[in-house]
Amino acid sequence: ELDGLIGLLNDNPSVTIELSAHTDRKGAEGYNQDLSLRRAQSVVRYLIGKGVDERRLSAAGFGKTQPKTVSATIAEKYGFLKEGDRLDEAFIEKLAPEQQEIADQINRRTEFRVTGSSFGLF
């Protein structure tokens, strides 16, 4: 998936992005905050190593503060989840143990969002 992101950035050289990493519900808030930031920074370093200008990238860590909301694609893949479910701690704790692990895996993620589209144009 990261190589696909590199292609997207190479095809759109004026785009800047933020990489945001998230953790599951396990562990202390401070630890998860730090872990998520380190994960996002690791992705930034990877992209820089592949030739993406570091000025086009920023990293953010959110720990467990932004649980994933289930998309239609995720709901289709996992029958016990419905589109719109928010995978917060209260929701996950009501699931069977094997379902809890899947929900935790879904919450552990790094995403990107476009923050600008005029890099290098002015």
PDB file of N, CA and C in Angstrom:
ATOM      1  N   GLU A   1       0.803  -1.194   0.000  1.00  0.00           N
ATOM      2  CA  GLU A   1       0.000   0.000   0.000  1.00  0.00           C
ATOM      3  C   GLU A   1       0.850   1.264   0.000  1.00  0.00           C
ATOM      4  N   LEU A   2       2.013   1.215   0.669  1.00  0.00           N
ATOM      5  CA  LEU A   2       2.859   2.404   0.692  1.00  0.00           C
ATOM      6  C   LEU A   2       3.408   2.726  -0.688  1.00  0.00           C
ATOM      7  N   ASP A   3       3.711   1.698  -1.464  1.00  0.00           N
ATOM      8  CA  ASP A   3       4.201   1.958  -2.815  1.00  0.00           C
ATOM      9  C   ASP A   3       3.114   2.595  -3.670  1.00  0.00           C
ATOM     10  N   GLY A   4       1.863   2.250  -3.427  1.00  0.00           N
ATOM     11  CA  GLY A   4       0.755   2.909  -4.110  1.00  0.00           C
ATOM     12  C   GLY A   4       0.667   4.377  -3.730  1.00  0.00           C
ATOM     13  N   LEU A   5       0.928   4.679  -2.459  1.00  0.00           N
ATOM     14  CA  LEU A   5       0.933   6.066  -2.003  1.00  0.00           C
ATOM     15  C   LEU A   5       2.073   6.835  -2.663  1.00  0.00           C
ATOM     16  N   ILE A   6       3.226   6.193  -2.798  1.00  0.00           N
ATOM     17  CA  ILE A   6       4.352   6.836  -3.483  1.00  0.00           C
ATOM     18  C   ILE A   6       3.959   7.177  -4.917  1.00  0.00           C
ATOM     19  N   GLY A   7       3.304   6.249  -5.596  1.00  0.00           N
ATOM     20  CA  GLY A   7       2.836   6.507  -6.959  1.00  0.00           C
ATOM     21  C   GLY A   7       1.877   7.681  -7.008  1.00  0.00           C
ATOM     22  N   LEU A   8       0.964   7.728  -6.060  1.00  0.00           N
ATOM     23  CA  LEU A   8       0.004   8.835  -5.990  1.00  0.00           C
ATOM     24  C   LEU A   8       0.721  10.166  -5.791  1.00  0.00           C
ATOM     25  N   LEU A   9       1.700  10.179  -4.896  1.00  0.00           N
ATOM     26  CA  LEU A   9       2.451  11.408  -4.643  1.00  0.00           C
ATOM     27  C   LEU A   9       3.299  11.800  -5.848  1.00  0.00           C
ATOM     28  N   ASN A  10       3.901  10.823  -6.515  1.00  0.00           N
ATOM     29  CA  ASN A  10       4.691  11.118  -7.712  1.00  0.00           C
ATOM     30  C   ASN A  10       3.817  11.653  -8.836  1.00  0.00           C
ATOM     31  N   ASP A  11       2.605  11.143  -8.947  1.00  0.00           N
ATOM     32  CA  ASP A  11       1.670  11.600  -9.985  1.00  0.00           C
ATOM     33  C   ASP A  11       1.079  12.971  -9.668  1.00  0.00           C
ATOM     34  N   ASN A  12       1.166  13.381  -8.404  1.00  0.00           N
ATOM     35  CA  ASN A  12       0.583  14.654  -7.950  1.00  0.00           C
ATOM     36  C   ASN A  12       1.630  15.423  -7.138  1.00  0.00           C
ATOM     37  N   PRO A  13       2.646  15.962  -7.803  1.00  0.00           N
ATOM     38  CA  PRO A  13       3.788  16.550  -7.088  1.00  0.00           C
ATOM     39  C   PRO A  13       3.479  17.807  -6.280  1.00  0.00           C
ATOM     40  N   SER A  14       2.305  18.385  -6.435  1.00  0.00           N
ATOM     41  CA  SER A  14       1.972  19.578  -5.655  1.00  0.00           C
ATOM     42  C   SER A  14       1.168  19.251  -4.392  1.00  0.00           C
ATOM     43  N   VAL A  15       0.886  17.972  -4.173  1.00  0.00           N
ATOM     44  CA  VAL A  15       0.080  17.549  -3.023  1.00  0.00           C
ATOM     45  C   VAL A  15       0.959  17.350  -1.789  1.00  0.00           C
ATOM     46  N   THR A  16       0.462  17.823  -0.645  1.00  0.00           N
ATOM     47  CA  THR A  16       1.089  17.541   0.645  1.00  0.00           C
ATOM     48  C   THR A  16       0.115  16.698   1.468  1.00  0.00           C
ATOM     49  N   ILE A  17       0.669  15.848   2.330  1.00  0.00           N
ATOM     50  CA  ILE A  17      -0.183  14.952   3.111  1.00  0.00           C
ATOM     51  C   ILE A  17       0.246  14.905   4.572  1.00  0.00           C
ATOM     52  N   GLU A  18      -0.704  14.496   5.400  1.00  0.00           N
ATOM     53  CA  GLU A  18      -0.440  14.168   6.795  1.00  0.00           C
ATOM     54  C   GLU A  18      -0.667  12.676   6.958  1.00  0.00           C
ATOM     55  N   LEU A  19       0.283  12.008   7.576  1.00  0.00           N
ATOM     56  CA  LEU A  19       0.139  10.597   7.915  1.00  0.00           C
ATOM     57  C   LEU A  19      -0.239  10.516   9.380  1.00  0.00           C
ATOM     58  N   SER A  20      -1.360   9.874   9.660  1.00  0.00           N
ATOM     59  CA  SER A  20      -1.830   9.761  11.042  1.00  0.00           C
ATOM     60  C   SER A  20      -1.903   8.290  11.427  1.00  0.00           C
ATOM     61  N   ALA A  21      -1.293   7.979  12.562  1.00  0.00           N
ATOM     62  CA  ALA A  21      -1.275   6.603  13.044  1.00  0.00           C
ATOM     63  C   ALA A  21      -2.147   6.485  14.290  1.00  0.00           C
ATOM     64  N   HIS A  22      -2.716   5.302  14.447  1.00  0.00           N
ATOM     65  CA  HIS A  22      -3.660   5.017  15.529  1.00  0.00           C
ATOM     66  C   HIS A  22      -3.309   3.664  16.144  1.00  0.00           C
ATOM     67  N   THR A  23      -3.625   3.505  17.417  1.00  0.00           N
ATOM     68  CA  THR A  23      -3.375   2.243  18.108  1.00  0.00           C
ATOM     69  C   THR A  23      -4.698   1.592  18.500  1.00  0.00           C
ATOM     70  N   ASP A  24      -4.586   0.393  19.058  1.00  0.00           N
ATOM     71  CA  ASP A  24      -5.778  -0.259  19.591  1.00  0.00           C
ATOM     72  C   ASP A  24      -6.032   0.256  21.006  1.00  0.00           C
ATOM     73  N   ARG A  25      -6.974  -0.352  21.694  1.00  0.00           N
ATOM     74  CA  ARG A  25      -7.418   0.123  23.012  1.00  0.00           C
ATOM     75  C   ARG A  25      -6.498  -0.323  24.142  1.00  0.00           C
ATOM     76  N   LYS A  26      -5.572  -1.217  23.859  1.00  0.00           N
ATOM     77  CA  LYS A  26      -4.707  -1.780  24.900  1.00  0.00           C
ATOM     78  C   LYS A  26      -3.567  -0.822  25.236  1.00  0.00           C
ATOM     79  N   GLY A  27      -3.193  -0.794  26.499  1.00  0.00           N
ATOM     80  CA  GLY A  27      -2.052   0.010  26.909  1.00  0.00           C
ATOM     81  C   GLY A  27      -2.439   1.387  27.410  1.00  0.00           C
ATOM     82  N   ALA A  28      -1.462   2.027  28.033  1.00  0.00           N
ATOM     83  CA  ALA A  28      -1.665   3.359  28.612  1.00  0.00           C
ATOM     84  C   ALA A  28      -1.757   4.413  27.512  1.00  0.00           C
ATOM     85  N   GLU A  29      -2.514   5.462  27.799  1.00  0.00           N
ATOM     86  CA  GLU A  29      -2.713   6.522  26.804  1.00  0.00           C
ATOM     87  C   GLU A  29      -1.404   7.146  26.348  1.00  0.00           C
ATOM     88  N   GLY A  30      -0.542   7.484  27.289  1.00  0.00           N
ATOM     89  CA  GLY A  30       0.730   8.115  26.935  1.00  0.00           C
ATOM     90  C   GLY A  30       1.582   7.225  26.053  1.00  0.00           C
ATOM     91  N   TYR A  31       1.641   5.948  26.413  1.00  0.00           N
ATOM     92  CA  TYR A  31       2.412   4.997  25.612  1.00  0.00           C
ATOM     93  C   TYR A  31       1.836   4.902  24.203  1.00  0.00           C
ATOM     94  N   ASN A  32       0.518   4.774  24.103  1.00  0.00           N
ATOM     95  CA  ASN A  32      -0.120   4.651  22.791  1.00  0.00           C
ATOM     96  C   ASN A  32       0.063   5.913  21.957  1.00  0.00           C
ATOM     97  N   GLN A  33       0.009   7.060  22.600  1.00  0.00           N
ATOM     98  CA  GLN A  33       0.224   8.323  21.887  1.00  0.00           C
ATOM     99  C   GLN A  33       1.619   8.332  21.269  1.00  0.00           C
ATOM    100  N   ASP A  34       2.619   7.989  22.070  1.00  0.00           N
ATOM    101  CA  ASP A  34       4.001   7.962  21.598  1.00  0.00           C
ATOM    102  C   ASP A  34       4.188   6.907  20.508  1.00  0.00           C
ATOM    103  N   LEU A  35       3.625   5.722  20.720  1.00  0.00           N
ATOM    104  CA  LEU A  35       3.743   4.640  19.741  1.00  0.00           C
ATOM    105  C   LEU A  35       3.142   5.049  18.403  1.00  0.00           C
ATOM    106  N   SER A  36       1.970   5.653  18.434  1.00  0.00           N
ATOM    107  CA  SER A  36       1.322   6.038  17.180  1.00  0.00           C
ATOM    108  C   SER A  36       2.129   7.110  16.451  1.00  0.00           C
ATOM    109  N   LEU A  37       2.697   8.055  17.177  1.00  0.00           N
ATOM    110  CA  LEU A  37       3.516   9.079  16.532  1.00  0.00           C
ATOM    111  C   LEU A  37       4.763   8.452  15.908  1.00  0.00           C
ATOM    112  N   ARG A  38       5.391   7.523  16.631  1.00  0.00           N
ATOM    113  CA  ARG A  38       6.572   6.850  16.075  1.00  0.00           C
ATOM    114  C   ARG A  38       6.220   6.061  14.816  1.00  0.00           C
ATOM    115  N   ARG A  39       5.055   5.444  14.789  1.00  0.00           N
ATOM    116  CA  ARG A  39       4.625   4.710  13.593  1.00  0.00           C
ATOM    117  C   ARG A  39       4.438   5.661  12.414  1.00  0.00           C
ATOM    118  N   ALA A  40       3.789   6.787  12.653  1.00  0.00           N
ATOM    119  CA  ALA A  40       3.586   7.763  11.576  1.00  0.00           C
ATOM    120  C   ALA A  40       4.928   8.301  11.082  1.00  0.00           C
ATOM    121  N   GLN A  41       5.836   8.592  12.008  1.00  0.00           N
ATOM    122  CA  GLN A  41       7.159   9.086  11.626  1.00  0.00           C
ATOM    123  C   GLN A  41       7.937   8.037  10.838  1.00  0.00           C
ATOM    124  N   SER A  42       7.746   6.773  11.167  1.00  0.00           N
ATOM    125  CA  SER A  42       8.397   5.694  10.428  1.00  0.00           C
ATOM    126  C   SER A  42       7.932   5.665   8.974  1.00  0.00           C
ATOM    127  N   VAL A  43       6.649   5.869   8.761  1.00  0.00           N
ATOM    128  CA  VAL A  43       6.117   5.911   7.393  1.00  0.00           C
ATOM    129  C   VAL A  43       6.679   7.122   6.657  1.00  0.00           C
ATOM    130  N   VAL A  44       6.754   8.261   7.337  1.00  0.00           N
ATOM    131  CA  VAL A  44       7.338   9.458   6.724  1.00  0.00           C
ATOM    132  C   VAL A  44       8.777   9.168   6.296  1.00  0.00           C
ATOM    133  N   ARG A  45       9.566   8.555   7.170  1.00  0.00           N
ATOM    134  CA  ARG A  45      10.958   8.225   6.824  1.00  0.00           C
ATOM    135  C   ARG A  45      11.021   7.290   5.621  1.00  0.00           C
ATOM    136  N   TYR A  46      10.129   6.320   5.559  1.00  0.00           N
ATOM    137  CA  TYR A  46      10.088   5.395   4.425  1.00  0.00           C
ATOM    138  C   TYR A  46       9.827   6.161   3.130  1.00  0.00           C
ATOM    139  N   LEU A  47       8.845   7.045   3.154  1.00  0.00           N
ATOM    140  CA  LEU A  47       8.498   7.808   1.950  1.00  0.00           C
ATOM    141  C   LEU A  47       9.647   8.722   1.528  1.00  0.00           C
ATOM    142  N   ILE A  48      10.304   9.345   2.493  1.00  0.00           N
ATOM    143  CA  ILE A  48      11.467  10.181   2.184  1.00  0.00           C
ATOM    144  C   ILE A  48      12.559   9.324   1.549  1.00  0.00           C
ATOM    145  N   GLY A  49      12.770   8.136   2.103  1.00  0.00           N
ATOM    146  CA  GLY A  49      13.764   7.216   1.552  1.00  0.00           C
ATOM    147  C   GLY A  49      13.464   6.793   0.126  1.00  0.00           C
ATOM    148  N   LYS A  50      12.211   6.869  -0.248  1.00  0.00           N
ATOM    149  CA  LYS A  50      11.793   6.514  -1.610  1.00  0.00           C
ATOM    150  C   LYS A  50      11.733   7.742  -2.521  1.00  0.00           C
ATOM    151  N   GLY A  51      12.232   8.884  -2.022  1.00  0.00           N
ATOM    152  CA  GLY A  51      12.355  10.057  -2.872  1.00  0.00           C
ATOM    153  C   GLY A  51      11.292  11.123  -2.731  1.00  0.00           C
ATOM    154  N   VAL A  52      10.364  10.964  -1.801  1.00  0.00           N
ATOM    155  CA  VAL A  52       9.334  11.989  -1.595  1.00  0.00           C
ATOM    156  C   VAL A  52       9.942  13.127  -0.771  1.00  0.00           C
ATOM    157  N   ASP A  53       9.749  14.352  -1.222  1.00  0.00           N
ATOM    158  CA  ASP A  53      10.278  15.530  -0.530  1.00  0.00           C
ATOM    159  C   ASP A  53       9.666  15.613   0.871  1.00  0.00           C
ATOM    160  N   GLU A  54      10.525  15.685   1.880  1.00  0.00           N
ATOM    161  CA  GLU A  54      10.046  15.695   3.266  1.00  0.00           C
ATOM    162  C   GLU A  54       9.139  16.880   3.571  1.00  0.00           C
ATOM    163  N   ARG A  55       9.264  17.970   2.812  1.00  0.00           N
ATOM    164  CA  ARG A  55       8.414  19.144   3.045  1.00  0.00           C
ATOM    165  C   ARG A  55       6.962  18.888   2.652  1.00  0.00           C
ATOM    166  N   ARG A  56       6.715  17.778   1.975  1.00  0.00           N
ATOM    167  CA  ARG A  56       5.351  17.427   1.569  1.00  0.00           C
ATOM    168  C   ARG A  56       4.656  16.531   2.587  1.00  0.00           C
ATOM    169  N   LEU A  57       5.369  16.170   3.650  1.00  0.00           N
ATOM    170  CA  LEU A  57       4.878  15.160   4.588  1.00  0.00           C
ATOM    171  C   LEU A  57       4.846  15.689   6.015  1.00  0.00           C
ATOM    172  N   SER A  58       3.837  15.292   6.755  1.00  0.00           N
ATOM    173  CA  SER A  58       3.806  15.545   8.194  1.00  0.00           C
ATOM    174  C   SER A  58       3.260  14.293   8.873  1.00  0.00           C
ATOM    175  N   ALA A  59       3.618  14.144  10.142  1.00  0.00           N
ATOM    176  CA  ALA A  59       3.210  12.959  10.903  1.00  0.00           C
ATOM    177  C   ALA A  59       2.400  13.374  12.118  1.00  0.00           C
ATOM    178  N   ALA A  60       1.400  12.567  12.444  1.00  0.00           N
ATOM    179  CA  ALA A  60       0.589  12.799  13.640  1.00  0.00           C
ATOM    180  C   ALA A  60       0.261  11.454  14.274  1.00  0.00           C
ATOM    181  N   GLY A  61       0.295  11.420  15.589  1.00  0.00           N
ATOM    182  CA  GLY A  61      -0.085  10.222  16.324  1.00  0.00           C
ATOM    183  C   GLY A  61      -1.309  10.510  17.171  1.00  0.00           C
ATOM    184  N   PHE A  62      -2.282   9.629  17.101  1.00  0.00           N
ATOM    185  CA  PHE A  62      -3.532   9.837  17.831  1.00  0.00           C
ATOM    186  C   PHE A  62      -3.787   8.775  18.896  1.00  0.00           C
ATOM    187  N   GLY A  63      -2.855   7.843  19.069  1.00  0.00           N
ATOM    188  CA  GLY A  63      -3.062   6.809  20.072  1.00  0.00           C
ATOM    189  C   GLY A  63      -4.375   6.095  19.848  1.00  0.00           C
ATOM    190  N   LYS A  64      -5.138   5.959  20.936  1.00  0.00           N
ATOM    191  CA  LYS A  64      -6.431   5.273  20.837  1.00  0.00           C
ATOM    192  C   LYS A  64      -7.599   6.256  20.892  1.00  0.00           C
ATOM    193  N   THR A  65      -7.335   7.535  20.615  1.00  0.00           N
ATOM    194  CA  THR A  65      -8.357   8.572  20.773  1.00  0.00           C
ATOM    195  C   THR A  65      -9.336   8.666  19.612  1.00  0.00           C
ATOM    196  N   GLN A  66      -9.024   8.036  18.481  1.00  0.00           N
ATOM    197  CA  GLN A  66      -9.907   8.113  17.317  1.00  0.00           C
ATOM    198  C   GLN A  66     -10.199   6.707  16.785  1.00  0.00           C
ATOM    199  N   PRO A  67     -11.068   5.964  17.475  1.00  0.00           N
ATOM    200  CA  PRO A  67     -11.390   4.611  17.012  1.00  0.00           C
ATOM    201  C   PRO A  67     -11.957   4.635  15.593  1.00  0.00           C
ATOM    202  N   LYS A  68     -11.700   3.575  14.880  1.00  0.00           N
ATOM    203  CA  LYS A  68     -12.173   3.449  13.500  1.00  0.00           C
ATOM    204  C   LYS A  68     -13.693   3.314  13.475  1.00  0.00           C
ATOM    205  N   THR A  69     -14.314   3.948  12.497  1.00  0.00           N
ATOM    206  CA  THR A  69     -15.729   3.736  12.205  1.00  0.00           C
ATOM    207  C   THR A  69     -15.800   2.759  11.047  1.00  0.00           C
ATOM    208  N   VAL A  70     -16.588   1.720  11.201  1.00  0.00           N
ATOM    209  CA  VAL A  70     -16.644   0.632  10.223  1.00  0.00           C
ATOM    210  C   VAL A  70     -17.226   1.135   8.900  1.00  0.00           C
ATOM    211  N   SER A  71     -16.489   0.884   7.831  1.00  0.00           N
ATOM    212  CA  SER A  71     -16.941   1.224   6.480  1.00  0.00           C
ATOM    213  C   SER A  71     -17.744   0.055   5.908  1.00  0.00           C
ATOM    214  N   ALA A  72     -18.378   0.282   4.781  1.00  0.00           N
ATOM    215  CA  ALA A  72     -19.125  -0.787   4.108  1.00  0.00           C
ATOM    216  C   ALA A  72     -18.194  -1.935   3.733  1.00  0.00           C
ATOM    217  N   THR A  73     -16.988  -1.612   3.295  1.00  0.00           N
ATOM    218  CA  THR A  73     -16.016  -2.641   2.908  1.00  0.00           C
ATOM    219  C   THR A  73     -15.642  -3.518   4.095  1.00  0.00           C
ATOM    220  N   ILE A  74     -15.380  -2.900   5.237  1.00  0.00           N
ATOM    221  CA  ILE A  74     -15.024  -3.662   6.440  1.00  0.00           C
ATOM    222  C   ILE A  74     -16.215  -4.497   6.896  1.00  0.00           C
ATOM    223  N   ALA A  75     -17.409  -3.924   6.878  1.00  0.00           N
ATOM    224  CA  ALA A  75     -18.613  -4.654   7.298  1.00  0.00           C
ATOM    225  C   ALA A  75     -18.858  -5.862   6.405  1.00  0.00           C
ATOM    226  N   GLU A  76     -18.575  -5.720   5.132  1.00  0.00           N
ATOM    227  CA  GLU A  76     -18.759  -6.837   4.200  1.00  0.00           C
ATOM    228  C   GLU A  76     -17.767  -7.958   4.488  1.00  0.00           C
ATOM    229  N   LYS A  77     -16.561  -7.586   4.882  1.00  0.00           N
ATOM    230  CA  LYS A  77     -15.513  -8.576   5.166  1.00  0.00           C
ATOM    231  C   LYS A  77     -15.750  -9.295   6.496  1.00  0.00           C
ATOM    232  N   TYR A  78     -16.267  -8.569   7.488  1.00  0.00           N
ATOM    233  CA  TYR A  78     -16.469  -9.125   8.831  1.00  0.00           C
ATOM    234  C   TYR A  78     -17.954  -9.043   9.175  1.00  0.00           C
ATOM    235  N   GLY A  79     -18.635 -10.163   9.106  1.00  0.00           N
ATOM    236  CA  GLY A  79     -20.082 -10.212   9.290  1.00  0.00           C
ATOM    237  C   GLY A  79     -20.581  -9.743  10.645  1.00  0.00           C
ATOM    238  N   PHE A  80     -19.731  -9.737  11.663  1.00  0.00           N
ATOM    239  CA  PHE A  80     -20.171  -9.315  12.997  1.00  0.00           C
ATOM    240  C   PHE A  80     -20.139  -7.789  13.161  1.00  0.00           C
ATOM    241  N   LEU A  81     -19.632  -7.091  12.159  1.00  0.00           N
ATOM    242  CA  LEU A  81     -19.590  -5.627  12.202  1.00  0.00           C
ATOM    243  C   LEU A  81     -20.590  -5.046  11.216  1.00  0.00           C
ATOM    244  N   LYS A  82     -21.134  -3.890  11.569  1.00  0.00           N
ATOM    245  CA  LYS A  82     -22.070  -3.192  10.683  1.00  0.00           C
ATOM    246  C   LYS A  82     -21.468  -1.849  10.292  1.00  0.00           C
ATOM    247  N   GLU A  83     -21.777  -1.416   9.090  1.00  0.00           N
ATOM    248  CA  GLU A  83     -21.319  -0.106   8.650  1.00  0.00           C
ATOM    249  C   GLU A  83     -21.783   0.949   9.656  1.00  0.00           C
ATOM    250  N   GLY A  84     -20.858   1.802  10.056  1.00  0.00           N
ATOM    251  CA  GLY A  84     -21.175   2.855  11.020  1.00  0.00           C
ATOM    252  C   GLY A  84     -20.819   2.514  12.458  1.00  0.00           C
ATOM    253  N   ASP A  85     -20.572   1.221  12.762  1.00  0.00           N
ATOM    254  CA  ASP A  85     -20.129   0.866  14.110  1.00  0.00           C
ATOM    255  C   ASP A  85     -18.834   1.616  14.420  1.00  0.00           C
ATOM    256  N   ARG A  86     -18.741   2.138  15.633  1.00  0.00           N
ATOM    257  CA  ARG A  86     -17.519   2.810  16.073  1.00  0.00           C
ATOM    258  C   ARG A  86     -16.780   1.843  16.986  1.00  0.00           C
ATOM    259  N   LEU A  87     -15.549   1.509  16.626  1.00  0.00           N
ATOM    260  CA  LEU A  87     -14.802   0.482  17.343  1.00  0.00           C
ATOM    261  C   LEU A  87     -14.114   1.052  18.580  1.00  0.00           C
ATOM    262  N   ASP A  88     -14.912   1.610  19.479  1.00  0.00           N
ATOM    263  CA  ASP A  88     -14.365   2.123  20.727  1.00  0.00           C
ATOM    264  C   ASP A  88     -14.310   0.997  21.757  1.00  0.00           C
ATOM    265  N   GLU A  89     -13.724   1.298  22.883  1.00  0.00           N
ATOM    266  CA  GLU A  89     -13.495   0.273  23.903  1.00  0.00           C
ATOM    267  C   GLU A  89     -14.795  -0.377  24.367  1.00  0.00           C
ATOM    268  N   ALA A  90     -15.831   0.408  24.601  1.00  0.00           N
ATOM    269  CA  ALA A  90     -17.111  -0.138  25.072  1.00  0.00           C
ATOM    270  C   ALA A  90     -17.703  -1.106  24.053  1.00  0.00           C
ATOM    271  N   PHE A  91     -17.616  -0.776  22.780  1.00  0.00           N
ATOM    272  CA  PHE A  91     -18.143  -1.649  21.729  1.00  0.00           C
ATOM    273  C   PHE A  91     -17.341  -2.946  21.661  1.00  0.00           C
ATOM    274  N   ILE A  92     -16.021  -2.824  21.661  1.00  0.00           N
ATOM    275  CA  ILE A  92     -15.156  -3.996  21.504  1.00  0.00           C
ATOM    276  C   ILE A  92     -15.306  -4.953  22.676  1.00  0.00           C
ATOM    277  N   GLU A  93     -15.460  -4.436  23.884  1.00  0.00           N
ATOM    278  CA  GLU A  93     -15.552  -5.300  25.062  1.00  0.00           C
ATOM    279  C   GLU A  93     -16.794  -6.185  25.044  1.00  0.00           C
ATOM    280  N   LYS A  94     -17.789  -5.848  24.252  1.00  0.00           N
ATOM    281  CA  LYS A  94     -19.006  -6.663  24.139  1.00  0.00           C
ATOM    282  C   LYS A  94     -18.854  -7.800  23.131  1.00  0.00           C
ATOM    283  N   LEU A  95     -17.754  -7.812  22.390  1.00  0.00           N
ATOM    284  CA  LEU A  95     -17.534  -8.833  21.362  1.00  0.00           C
ATOM    285  C   LEU A  95     -16.891 -10.081  21.951  1.00  0.00           C
ATOM    286  N   ALA A  96     -16.989 -11.180  21.228  1.00  0.00           N
ATOM    287  CA  ALA A  96     -16.283 -12.412  21.591  1.00  0.00           C
ATOM    288  C   ALA A  96     -14.779 -12.164  21.457  1.00  0.00           C
ATOM    289  N   PRO A  97     -13.953 -12.917  22.203  1.00  0.00           N
ATOM    290  CA  PRO A  97     -12.502 -12.668  22.190  1.00  0.00           C
ATOM    291  C   PRO A  97     -11.873 -12.626  20.791  1.00  0.00           C
ATOM    292  N   GLU A  98     -12.236 -13.554  19.918  1.00  0.00           N
ATOM    293  CA  GLU A  98     -11.635 -13.548  18.572  1.00  0.00           C
ATOM    294  C   GLU A  98     -12.102 -12.338  17.758  1.00  0.00           C
ATOM    295  N   GLN A  99     -13.309 -11.881  18.022  1.00  0.00           N
ATOM    296  CA  GLN A  99     -13.811 -10.677  17.347  1.00  0.00           C
ATOM    297  C   GLN A  99     -13.136  -9.425  17.911  1.00  0.00           C
ATOM    298  N   GLN A 100     -12.838  -9.447  19.203  1.00  0.00           N
ATOM    299  CA  GLN A 100     -12.122  -8.327  19.812  1.00  0.00           C
ATOM    300  C   GLN A 100     -10.759  -8.143  19.148  1.00  0.00           C
ATOM    301  N   GLU A 101     -10.073  -9.246  18.897  1.00  0.00           N
ATOM    302  CA  GLU A 101      -8.749  -9.159  18.271  1.00  0.00           C
ATOM    303  C   GLU A 101      -8.845  -8.570  16.871  1.00  0.00           C
ATOM    304  N   ILE A 102      -9.854  -8.951  16.126  1.00  0.00           N
ATOM    305  CA  ILE A 102     -10.052  -8.395  14.780  1.00  0.00           C
ATOM    306  C   ILE A 102     -10.326  -6.898  14.872  1.00  0.00           C
ATOM    307  N   ALA A 103     -11.193  -6.500  15.793  1.00  0.00           N
ATOM    308  CA  ALA A 103     -11.509  -5.075  15.960  1.00  0.00           C
ATOM    309  C   ALA A 103     -10.264  -4.287  16.368  1.00  0.00           C
ATOM    310  N   ASP A 104      -9.451  -4.860  17.260  1.00  0.00           N
ATOM    311  CA  ASP A 104      -8.204  -4.199  17.647  1.00  0.00           C
ATOM    312  C   ASP A 104      -7.275  -4.048  16.440  1.00  0.00           C
ATOM    313  N   GLN A 105      -7.194  -5.076  15.606  1.00  0.00           N
ATOM    314  CA  GLN A 105      -6.359  -4.998  14.397  1.00  0.00           C
ATOM    315  C   GLN A 105      -6.846  -3.891  13.468  1.00  0.00           C
ATOM    316  N   ILE A 106      -8.139  -3.748  13.336  1.00  0.00           N
ATOM    317  CA  ILE A 106      -8.702  -2.700  12.473  1.00  0.00           C
ATOM    318  C   ILE A 106      -8.347  -1.316  13.022  1.00  0.00           C
ATOM    319  N   ASN A 107      -8.358  -1.171  14.333  1.00  0.00           N
ATOM    320  CA  ASN A 107      -8.018   0.122  14.940  1.00  0.00           C
ATOM    321  C   ASN A 107      -6.541   0.469  14.787  1.00  0.00           C
ATOM    322  N   ARG A 108      -5.666  -0.539  14.726  1.00  0.00           N
ATOM    323  CA  ARG A 108      -4.234  -0.285  14.544  1.00  0.00           C
ATOM    324  C   ARG A 108      -4.007   0.024  13.070  1.00  0.00           C
ATOM    325  N   ARG A 109      -3.808   1.295  12.761  1.00  0.00           N
ATOM    326  CA  ARG A 109      -3.729   1.682  11.357  1.00  0.00           C
ATOM    327  C   ARG A 109      -2.954   2.986  11.204  1.00  0.00           C
ATOM    328  N   THR A 110      -2.488   3.208   9.981  1.00  0.00           N
ATOM    329  CA  THR A 110      -1.925   4.492   9.581  1.00  0.00           C
ATOM    330  C   THR A 110      -2.686   4.939   8.351  1.00  0.00           C
ATOM    331  N   GLU A 111      -3.179   6.155   8.384  1.00  0.00           N
ATOM    332  CA  GLU A 111      -3.974   6.710   7.288  1.00  0.00           C
ATOM    333  C   GLU A 111      -3.307   7.991   6.804  1.00  0.00           C
ATOM    334  N   PHE A 112      -3.723   8.459   5.640  1.00  0.00           N
ATOM    335  CA  PHE A 112      -3.229   9.751   5.194  1.00  0.00           C
ATOM    336  C   PHE A 112      -4.395  10.612   4.751  1.00  0.00           C
ATOM    337  N   ARG A 113      -4.166  11.914   4.828  1.00  0.00           N
ATOM    338  CA  ARG A 113      -5.135  12.870   4.295  1.00  0.00           C
ATOM    339  C   ARG A 113      -4.358  13.968   3.592  1.00  0.00           C
ATOM    340  N   VAL A 114      -4.946  14.483   2.540  1.00  0.00           N
ATOM    341  CA  VAL A 114      -4.332  15.568   1.786  1.00  0.00           C
ATOM    342  C   VAL A 114      -4.484  16.856   2.589  1.00  0.00           C
ATOM    343  N   THR A 115      -3.369  17.563   2.776  1.00  0.00           N
ATOM    344  CA  THR A 115      -3.392  18.814   3.536  1.00  0.00           C
ATOM    345  C   THR A 115      -3.197  20.039   2.648  1.00  0.00           C
ATOM    346  N   GLY A 116      -2.775  19.822   1.418  1.00  0.00           N
ATOM    347  CA  GLY A 116      -2.568  20.942   0.508  1.00  0.00           C
ATOM    348  C   GLY A 116      -2.372  20.449  -0.911  1.00  0.00           C
ATOM    349  N   SER A 117      -2.505  21.365  -1.845  1.00  0.00           N
ATOM    350  CA  SER A 117      -2.343  20.979  -3.254  1.00  0.00           C
ATOM    351  C   SER A 117      -1.574  22.025  -4.048  1.00  0.00           C
ATOM    352  N   SER A 118      -0.780  22.834  -3.344  1.00  0.00           N
ATOM    353  CA  SER A 118      -0.040  23.878  -4.053  1.00  0.00           C
ATOM    354  C   SER A 118       1.457  23.850  -3.757  1.00  0.00           C
ATOM    355  N   PHE A 119       1.976  22.717  -3.300  1.00  0.00           N
ATOM    356  CA  PHE A 119       3.404  22.610  -2.993  1.00  0.00           C
ATOM    357  C   PHE A 119       4.219  22.867  -4.261  1.00  0.00           C
ATOM    358  N   GLY A 120       5.166  23.780  -4.149  1.00  0.00           N
ATOM    359  CA  GLY A 120       6.067  24.061  -5.260  1.00  0.00           C
ATOM    360  C   GLY A 120       5.472  24.867  -6.399  1.00  0.00           C
ATOM    361  N   LEU A 121       4.245  25.310  -6.260  1.00  0.00           N
ATOM    362  CA  LEU A 121       3.613  26.061  -7.349  1.00  0.00           C
ATOM    363  C   LEU A 121       3.904  27.555  -7.266  1.00  0.00           C
ATOM    364  N   PHE A 122       4.264  28.032  -6.081  1.00  0.00           N
ATOM    365  CA  PHE A 122       4.471  29.473  -5.913  1.00  0.00           C
ATOM    366  C   PHE A 122       5.860  29.773  -5.406  1.00  0.00           C
TER     367      PHE A 122
END
